[in-house]
Amino acid sequence: MKQLLTSIALVLVSISTAYAGKPSAINFNRDEYTYRATESSVHQYTPADQTDLSSHKDMISFTFAEEVKKSLI
């Protein structure tokens, strides 16, 4: 569990620092997830072999809430 939380934290840090350019791929739990789509402030990533968003099995989504960032500064 601790390793999973560490992996999540590392992914969040890498995504947040690269937010301006939306990375084309991220690594999570030894798997590579490819950028697929953005809806509003939600960025979606799926494994390379799962290109169809209507029938994917795994997905990572990040939601960036600017109001949270501003309240922490």
PDB file of N, CA and C in Angstrom:
ATOM      1  N   MET A   1       0.835  -1.197   0.000  1.00  0.00           N
ATOM      2  CA  MET A   1       0.000   0.000   0.000  1.00  0.00           C
ATOM      3  C   MET A   1       0.874   1.253   0.000  1.00  0.00           C
ATOM      4  N   LYS A   2       1.932   1.230   0.799  1.00  0.00           N
ATOM      5  CA  LYS A   2       2.812   2.395   0.860  1.00  0.00           C
ATOM      6  C   LYS A   2       3.452   2.655  -0.503  1.00  0.00           C
ATOM      7  N   GLN A   3       3.839   1.577  -1.214  1.00  0.00           N
ATOM      8  CA  GLN A   3       4.430   1.736  -2.529  1.00  0.00           C
ATOM      9  C   GLN A   3       3.422   2.331  -3.515  1.00  0.00           C
ATOM     10  N   LEU A   4       2.175   1.907  -3.423  1.00  0.00           N
ATOM     11  CA  LEU A   4       1.138   2.452  -4.294  1.00  0.00           C
ATOM     12  C   LEU A   4       0.942   3.942  -4.044  1.00  0.00           C
ATOM     13  N   LEU A   5       0.878   4.338  -2.786  1.00  0.00           N
ATOM     14  CA  LEU A   5       0.712   5.756  -2.456  1.00  0.00           C
ATOM     15  C   LEU A   5       1.906   6.575  -2.913  1.00  0.00           C
ATOM     16  N   THR A   6       3.091   6.005  -2.788  1.00  0.00           N
ATOM     17  CA  THR A   6       4.288   6.695  -3.265  1.00  0.00           C
ATOM     18  C   THR A   6       4.233   6.870  -4.772  1.00  0.00           C
ATOM     19  N   SER A   7       3.808   5.830  -5.482  1.00  0.00           N
ATOM     20  CA  SER A   7       3.677   5.916  -6.940  1.00  0.00           C
ATOM     21  C   SER A   7       2.673   6.980  -7.344  1.00  0.00           C
ATOM     22  N   ILE A   8       1.555   7.027  -6.650  1.00  0.00           N
ATOM     23  CA  ILE A   8       0.534   8.037  -6.941  1.00  0.00           C
ATOM     24  C   ILE A   8       1.098   9.437  -6.708  1.00  0.00           C
ATOM     25  N   ALA A   9       1.792   9.621  -5.621  1.00  0.00           N
ATOM     26  CA  ALA A   9       2.376  10.935  -5.319  1.00  0.00           C
ATOM     27  C   ALA A   9       3.367  11.354  -6.394  1.00  0.00           C
ATOM     28  N   LEU A  10       4.208  10.428  -6.844  1.00  0.00           N
ATOM     29  CA  LEU A  10       5.185  10.761  -7.882  1.00  0.00           C
ATOM     30  C   LEU A  10       4.515  11.117  -9.198  1.00  0.00           C
ATOM     31  N   VAL A  11       3.464  10.398  -9.539  1.00  0.00           N
ATOM     32  CA  VAL A  11       2.732  10.712 -10.770  1.00  0.00           C
ATOM     33  C   VAL A  11       2.097  12.090 -10.658  1.00  0.00           C
ATOM     34  N   LEU A  12       1.490  12.389  -9.528  1.00  0.00           N
ATOM     35  CA  LEU A  12       0.852  13.698  -9.355  1.00  0.00           C
ATOM     36  C   LEU A  12       1.858  14.831  -9.442  1.00  0.00           C
ATOM     37  N   VAL A  13       3.023  14.643  -8.864  1.00  0.00           N
ATOM     38  CA  VAL A  13       4.061  15.675  -8.933  1.00  0.00           C
ATOM     39  C   VAL A  13       4.519  15.859 -10.370  1.00  0.00           C
ATOM     40  N   SER A  14       4.754  14.763 -11.093  1.00  0.00           N
ATOM     41  CA  SER A  14       5.216  14.892 -12.472  1.00  0.00           C
ATOM     42  C   SER A  14       4.154  15.515 -13.364  1.00  0.00           C
ATOM     43  N   ILE A  15       2.893  15.169 -13.139  1.00  0.00           N
ATOM     44  CA  ILE A  15       1.809  15.753 -13.931  1.00  0.00           C
ATOM     45  C   ILE A  15       1.656  17.232 -13.616  1.00  0.00           C
ATOM     46  N   SER A  16       1.703  17.583 -12.358  1.00  0.00           N
ATOM     47  CA  SER A  16       1.491  18.983 -11.996  1.00  0.00           C
ATOM     48  C   SER A  16       2.607  19.873 -12.516  1.00  0.00           C
ATOM     49  N   THR A  17       3.846  19.379 -12.550  1.00  0.00           N
ATOM     50  CA  THR A  17       4.934  20.207 -13.066  1.00  0.00           C
ATOM     51  C   THR A  17       4.887  20.318 -14.581  1.00  0.00           C
ATOM     52  N   ALA A  18       4.290  19.341 -15.242  1.00  0.00           N
ATOM     53  CA  ALA A  18       4.210  19.358 -16.704  1.00  0.00           C
ATOM     54  C   ALA A  18       2.837  19.787 -17.199  1.00  0.00           C
ATOM     55  N   TYR A  19       1.984  20.287 -16.335  1.00  0.00           N
ATOM     56  CA  TYR A  19       0.595  20.596 -16.667  1.00  0.00           C
ATOM     57  C   TYR A  19       0.461  21.500 -17.884  1.00  0.00           C
ATOM     58  N   ALA A  20       1.314  22.483 -17.991  1.00  0.00           N
ATOM     59  CA  ALA A  20       1.189  23.438 -19.086  1.00  0.00           C
ATOM     60  C   ALA A  20       1.283  22.752 -20.447  1.00  0.00           C
ATOM     61  N   GLY A  21       2.064  21.692 -20.540  1.00  0.00           N
ATOM     62  CA  GLY A  21       2.232  21.014 -21.812  1.00  0.00           C
ATOM     63  C   GLY A  21       1.498  19.698 -21.920  1.00  0.00           C
ATOM     64  N   LYS A  22       0.742  19.275 -20.945  1.00  0.00           N
ATOM     65  CA  LYS A  22       0.052  17.986 -20.903  1.00  0.00           C
ATOM     66  C   LYS A  22       0.953  16.885 -21.448  1.00  0.00           C
ATOM     67  N   PRO A  23       1.603  16.132 -20.588  1.00  0.00           N
ATOM     68  CA  PRO A  23       2.502  15.084 -21.065  1.00  0.00           C
ATOM     69  C   PRO A  23       1.766  14.072 -21.935  1.00  0.00           C
ATOM     70  N   SER A  24       2.442  13.577 -22.953  1.00  0.00           N
ATOM     71  CA  SER A  24       1.813  12.629 -23.865  1.00  0.00           C
ATOM     72  C   SER A  24       1.694  11.243 -23.260  1.00  0.00           C
ATOM     73  N   ALA A  25       2.499  10.950 -22.234  1.00  0.00           N
ATOM     74  CA  ALA A  25       2.424   9.649 -21.556  1.00  0.00           C
ATOM     75  C   ALA A  25       2.935   9.788 -20.133  1.00  0.00           C
ATOM     76  N   ILE A  26       2.401   8.957 -19.255  1.00  0.00           N
ATOM     77  CA  ILE A  26       2.872   8.906 -17.874  1.00  0.00           C
ATOM     78  C   ILE A  26       3.067   7.440 -17.494  1.00  0.00           C
ATOM     79  N   ASN A  27       3.945   7.211 -16.546  1.00  0.00           N
ATOM     80  CA  ASN A  27       4.167   5.858 -16.037  1.00  0.00           C
ATOM     81  C   ASN A  27       3.543   5.751 -14.659  1.00  0.00           C
ATOM     82  N   PHE A  28       2.785   4.692 -14.465  1.00  0.00           N
ATOM     83  CA  PHE A  28       2.146   4.447 -13.177  1.00  0.00           C
ATOM     84  C   PHE A  28       2.136   2.960 -12.903  1.00  0.00           C
ATOM     85  N   ASN A  29       2.660   2.576 -11.762  1.00  0.00           N
ATOM     86  CA  ASN A  29       2.652   1.179 -11.341  1.00  0.00           C
ATOM     87  C   ASN A  29       3.244   0.260 -12.423  1.00  0.00           C
ATOM     88  N   ARG A  30       4.359   0.713 -13.011  1.00  0.00           N
ATOM     89  CA  ARG A  30       5.110  -0.011 -14.046  1.00  0.00           C
ATOM     90  C   ARG A  30       4.389  -0.121 -15.390  1.00  0.00           C
ATOM     91  N   ASP A  31       3.335   0.638 -15.600  1.00  0.00           N
ATOM     92  CA  ASP A  31       2.623   0.648 -16.872  1.00  0.00           C
ATOM     93  C   ASP A  31       2.656   2.055 -17.452  1.00  0.00           C
ATOM     94  N   GLU A  32       2.683   2.136 -18.773  1.00  0.00           N
ATOM     95  CA  GLU A  32       2.657   3.443 -19.425  1.00  0.00           C
ATOM     96  C   GLU A  32       1.236   3.756 -19.879  1.00  0.00           C
ATOM     97  N   TYR A  33       0.776   4.943 -19.537  1.00  0.00           N
ATOM     98  CA  TYR A  33      -0.549   5.427 -19.915  1.00  0.00           C
ATOM     99  C   TYR A  33      -0.368   6.584 -20.892  1.00  0.00           C
ATOM    100  N   THR A  34      -1.100   6.524 -22.000  1.00  0.00           N
ATOM    101  CA  THR A  34      -0.995   7.514 -23.063  1.00  0.00           C
ATOM    102  C   THR A  34      -2.125   8.534 -22.931  1.00  0.00           C
ATOM    103  N   TYR A  35      -1.773   9.797 -23.167  1.00  0.00           N
ATOM    104  CA  TYR A  35      -2.779  10.857 -23.124  1.00  0.00           C
ATOM    105  C   TYR A  35      -3.833  10.611 -24.186  1.00  0.00           C
ATOM    106  N   ARG A  36      -5.103  10.729 -23.784  1.00  0.00           N
ATOM    107  CA  ARG A  36      -6.207  10.484 -24.715  1.00  0.00           C
ATOM    108  C   ARG A  36      -7.085  11.707 -24.951  1.00  0.00           C
ATOM    109  N   ALA A  37      -7.479  12.391 -23.894  1.00  0.00           N
ATOM    110  CA  ALA A  37      -8.433  13.483 -24.077  1.00  0.00           C
ATOM    111  C   ALA A  37      -8.433  14.422 -22.882  1.00  0.00           C
ATOM    112  N   THR A  38      -8.958  15.618 -23.115  1.00  0.00           N
ATOM    113  CA  THR A  38      -9.190  16.589 -22.056  1.00  0.00           C
ATOM    114  C   THR A  38     -10.627  17.063 -22.178  1.00  0.00           C
ATOM    115  N   GLU A  39     -11.331  17.015 -21.072  1.00  0.00           N
ATOM    116  CA  GLU A  39     -12.680  17.560 -20.999  1.00  0.00           C
ATOM    117  C   GLU A  39     -12.686  18.556 -19.858  1.00  0.00           C
ATOM    118  N   SER A  40     -12.800  19.824 -20.192  1.00  0.00           N
ATOM    119  CA  SER A  40     -12.724  20.891 -19.201  1.00  0.00           C
ATOM    120  C   SER A  40     -11.364  20.816 -18.523  1.00  0.00           C
ATOM    121  N   SER A  41     -11.317  20.543 -17.229  1.00  0.00           N
ATOM    122  CA  SER A  41     -10.026  20.451 -16.536  1.00  0.00           C
ATOM    123  C   SER A  41      -9.646  19.006 -16.207  1.00  0.00           C
ATOM    124  N   VAL A  42     -10.319  18.028 -16.839  1.00  0.00           N
ATOM    125  CA  VAL A  42     -10.035  16.610 -16.611  1.00  0.00           C
ATOM    126  C   VAL A  42      -9.197  16.075 -17.774  1.00  0.00           C
ATOM    127  N   HIS A  43      -8.045  15.497 -17.437  1.00  0.00           N
ATOM    128  CA  HIS A  43      -7.131  14.940 -18.433  1.00  0.00           C
ATOM    129  C   HIS A  43      -7.135  13.425 -18.275  1.00  0.00           C
ATOM    130  N   GLN A  44      -7.356  12.701 -19.384  1.00  0.00           N
ATOM    131  CA  GLN A  44      -7.532  11.256 -19.325  1.00  0.00           C
ATOM    132  C   GLN A  44      -6.389  10.529 -20.027  1.00  0.00           C
ATOM    133  N   TYR A  45      -5.934   9.453 -19.380  1.00  0.00           N
ATOM    134  CA  TYR A  45      -4.853   8.622 -19.893  1.00  0.00           C
ATOM    135  C   TYR A  45      -5.278   7.155 -19.813  1.00  0.00           C
ATOM    136  N   THR A  46      -4.978   6.382 -20.863  1.00  0.00           N
ATOM    137  CA  THR A  46      -5.253   4.944 -20.861  1.00  0.00           C
ATOM    138  C   THR A  46      -3.998   4.216 -21.347  1.00  0.00           C
ATOM    139  N   PRO A  47      -3.899   2.896 -21.094  1.00  0.00           N
ATOM    140  CA  PRO A  47      -2.770   2.143 -21.629  1.00  0.00           C
ATOM    141  C   PRO A  47      -2.732   2.235 -23.156  1.00  0.00           C
ATOM    142  N   ALA A  48      -1.555   2.070 -23.714  1.00  0.00           N
ATOM    143  CA  ALA A  48      -1.370   2.240 -25.161  1.00  0.00           C
ATOM    144  C   ALA A  48      -2.286   1.353 -25.993  1.00  0.00           C
ATOM    145  N   ASP A  49      -2.596   0.155 -25.511  1.00  0.00           N
ATOM    146  CA  ASP A  49      -3.428  -0.749 -26.295  1.00  0.00           C
ATOM    147  C   ASP A  49      -4.927  -0.529 -26.094  1.00  0.00           C
ATOM    148  N   GLN A  50      -5.301   0.461 -25.290  1.00  0.00           N
ATOM    149  CA  GLN A  50      -6.717   0.755 -25.040  1.00  0.00           C
ATOM    150  C   GLN A  50      -7.039   2.150 -25.586  1.00  0.00           C
ATOM    151  N   THR A  51      -7.161   2.236 -26.888  1.00  0.00           N
ATOM    152  CA  THR A  51      -7.344   3.529 -27.536  1.00  0.00           C
ATOM    153  C   THR A  51      -8.783   4.029 -27.537  1.00  0.00           C
ATOM    154  N   ASP A  52      -9.742   3.127 -27.418  1.00  0.00           N
ATOM    155  CA  ASP A  52     -11.159   3.491 -27.480  1.00  0.00           C
ATOM    156  C   ASP A  52     -11.663   3.874 -26.081  1.00  0.00           C
ATOM    157  N   LEU A  53     -11.953   5.138 -25.882  1.00  0.00           N
ATOM    158  CA  LEU A  53     -12.395   5.605 -24.560  1.00  0.00           C
ATOM    159  C   LEU A  53     -13.762   5.058 -24.167  1.00  0.00           C
ATOM    160  N   SER A  54     -14.529   4.582 -25.123  1.00  0.00           N
ATOM    161  CA  SER A  54     -15.844   4.031 -24.775  1.00  0.00           C
ATOM    162  C   SER A  54     -15.763   2.576 -24.291  1.00  0.00           C
ATOM    163  N   SER A  55     -14.602   1.942 -24.474  1.00  0.00           N
ATOM    164  CA  SER A  55     -14.486   0.547 -24.044  1.00  0.00           C
ATOM    165  C   SER A  55     -13.174   0.254 -23.318  1.00  0.00           C
ATOM    166  N   HIS A  56     -12.576   1.252 -22.719  1.00  0.00           N
ATOM    167  CA  HIS A  56     -11.313   1.034 -21.997  1.00  0.00           C
ATOM    168  C   HIS A  56     -11.540   0.217 -20.728  1.00  0.00           C
ATOM    169  N   LYS A  57     -10.469  -0.431 -20.250  1.00  0.00           N
ATOM    170  CA  LYS A  57     -10.539  -1.189 -19.003  1.00  0.00           C
ATOM    171  C   LYS A  57      -9.816  -0.459 -17.882  1.00  0.00           C
ATOM    172  N   ASP A  58      -8.781   0.288 -18.226  1.00  0.00           N
ATOM    173  CA  ASP A  58      -8.000   1.047 -17.248  1.00  0.00           C
ATOM    174  C   ASP A  58      -7.923   2.496 -17.700  1.00  0.00           C
ATOM    175  N   MET A  59      -8.002   3.400 -16.738  1.00  0.00           N
ATOM    176  CA  MET A  59      -7.867   4.818 -17.055  1.00  0.00           C
ATOM    177  C   MET A  59      -7.372   5.561 -15.823  1.00  0.00           C
ATOM    178  N   ILE A  60      -6.547   6.551 -16.081  1.00  0.00           N
ATOM    179  CA  ILE A  60      -6.146   7.488 -15.038  1.00  0.00           C
ATOM    180  C   ILE A  60      -6.664   8.849 -15.474  1.00  0.00           C
ATOM    181  N   SER A  61      -7.356   9.529 -14.590  1.00  0.00           N
ATOM    182  CA  SER A  61      -7.865  10.870 -14.876  1.00  0.00           C
ATOM    183  C   SER A  61      -7.346  11.831 -13.824  1.00  0.00           C
ATOM    184  N   PHE A  62      -6.924  12.993 -14.277  1.00  0.00           N
ATOM    185  CA  PHE A  62      -6.476  14.049 -13.382  1.00  0.00           C
ATOM    186  C   PHE A  62      -7.380  15.247 -13.554  1.00  0.00           C
ATOM    187  N   THR A  63      -7.823  15.784 -12.458  1.00  0.00           N
ATOM    188  CA  THR A  63      -8.624  16.995 -12.480  1.00  0.00           C
ATOM    189  C   THR A  63      -7.828  18.101 -11.815  1.00  0.00           C
ATOM    190  N   PHE A  64      -7.592  19.170 -12.543  1.00  0.00           N
ATOM    191  CA  PHE A  64      -6.858  20.299 -12.002  1.00  0.00           C
ATOM    192  C   PHE A  64      -7.856  21.368 -11.583  1.00  0.00           C
ATOM    193  N   ALA A  65      -7.847  21.681 -10.322  1.00  0.00           N
ATOM    194  CA  ALA A  65      -8.756  22.687  -9.777  1.00  0.00           C
ATOM    195  C   ALA A  65      -7.924  23.899  -9.359  1.00  0.00           C
ATOM    196  N   GLU A  66      -7.945  24.921 -10.169  1.00  0.00           N
ATOM    197  CA  GLU A  66      -7.145  26.115  -9.902  1.00  0.00           C
ATOM    198  C   GLU A  66      -7.476  26.739  -8.552  1.00  0.00           C
ATOM    199  N   GLU A  67      -8.734  26.664  -8.129  1.00  0.00           N
ATOM    200  CA  GLU A  67      -9.098  27.268  -6.853  1.00  0.00           C
ATOM    201  C   GLU A  67      -8.415  26.583  -5.683  1.00  0.00           C
ATOM    202  N   VAL A  68      -8.120  25.288  -5.809  1.00  0.00           N
ATOM    203  CA  VAL A  68      -7.400  24.585  -4.742  1.00  0.00           C
ATOM    204  C   VAL A  68      -5.957  25.058  -4.707  1.00  0.00           C
ATOM    205  N   LYS A  69      -5.339  25.165  -5.838  1.00  0.00           N
ATOM    206  CA  LYS A  69      -3.963  25.638  -5.923  1.00  0.00           C
ATOM    207  C   LYS A  69      -3.839  27.035  -5.325  1.00  0.00           C
ATOM    208  N   LYS A  70      -4.757  27.901  -5.641  1.00  0.00           N
ATOM    209  CA  LYS A  70      -4.691  29.269  -5.149  1.00  0.00           C
ATOM    210  C   LYS A  70      -4.906  29.346  -3.646  1.00  0.00           C
ATOM    211  N   SER A  71      -5.710  28.458  -3.098  1.00  0.00           N
ATOM    212  CA  SER A  71      -5.966  28.515  -1.663  1.00  0.00           C
ATOM    213  C   SER A  71      -4.793  27.964  -0.859  1.00  0.00           C
ATOM    214  N   LEU A  72      -3.921  27.182  -1.489  1.00  0.00           N
ATOM    215  CA  LEU A  72      -2.773  26.614  -0.789  1.00  0.00           C
ATOM    216  C   LEU A  72      -1.580  27.550  -0.768  1.00  0.00           C
ATOM    217  N   ILE A  73      -1.580  28.532  -1.629  1.00  0.00           N
ATOM    218  CA  ILE A  73      -0.415  29.435  -1.721  1.00  0.00           C
ATOM    219  C   ILE A  73      -0.519  30.523  -0.675  1.00  0.00           C
TER     220      ILE A  73
END
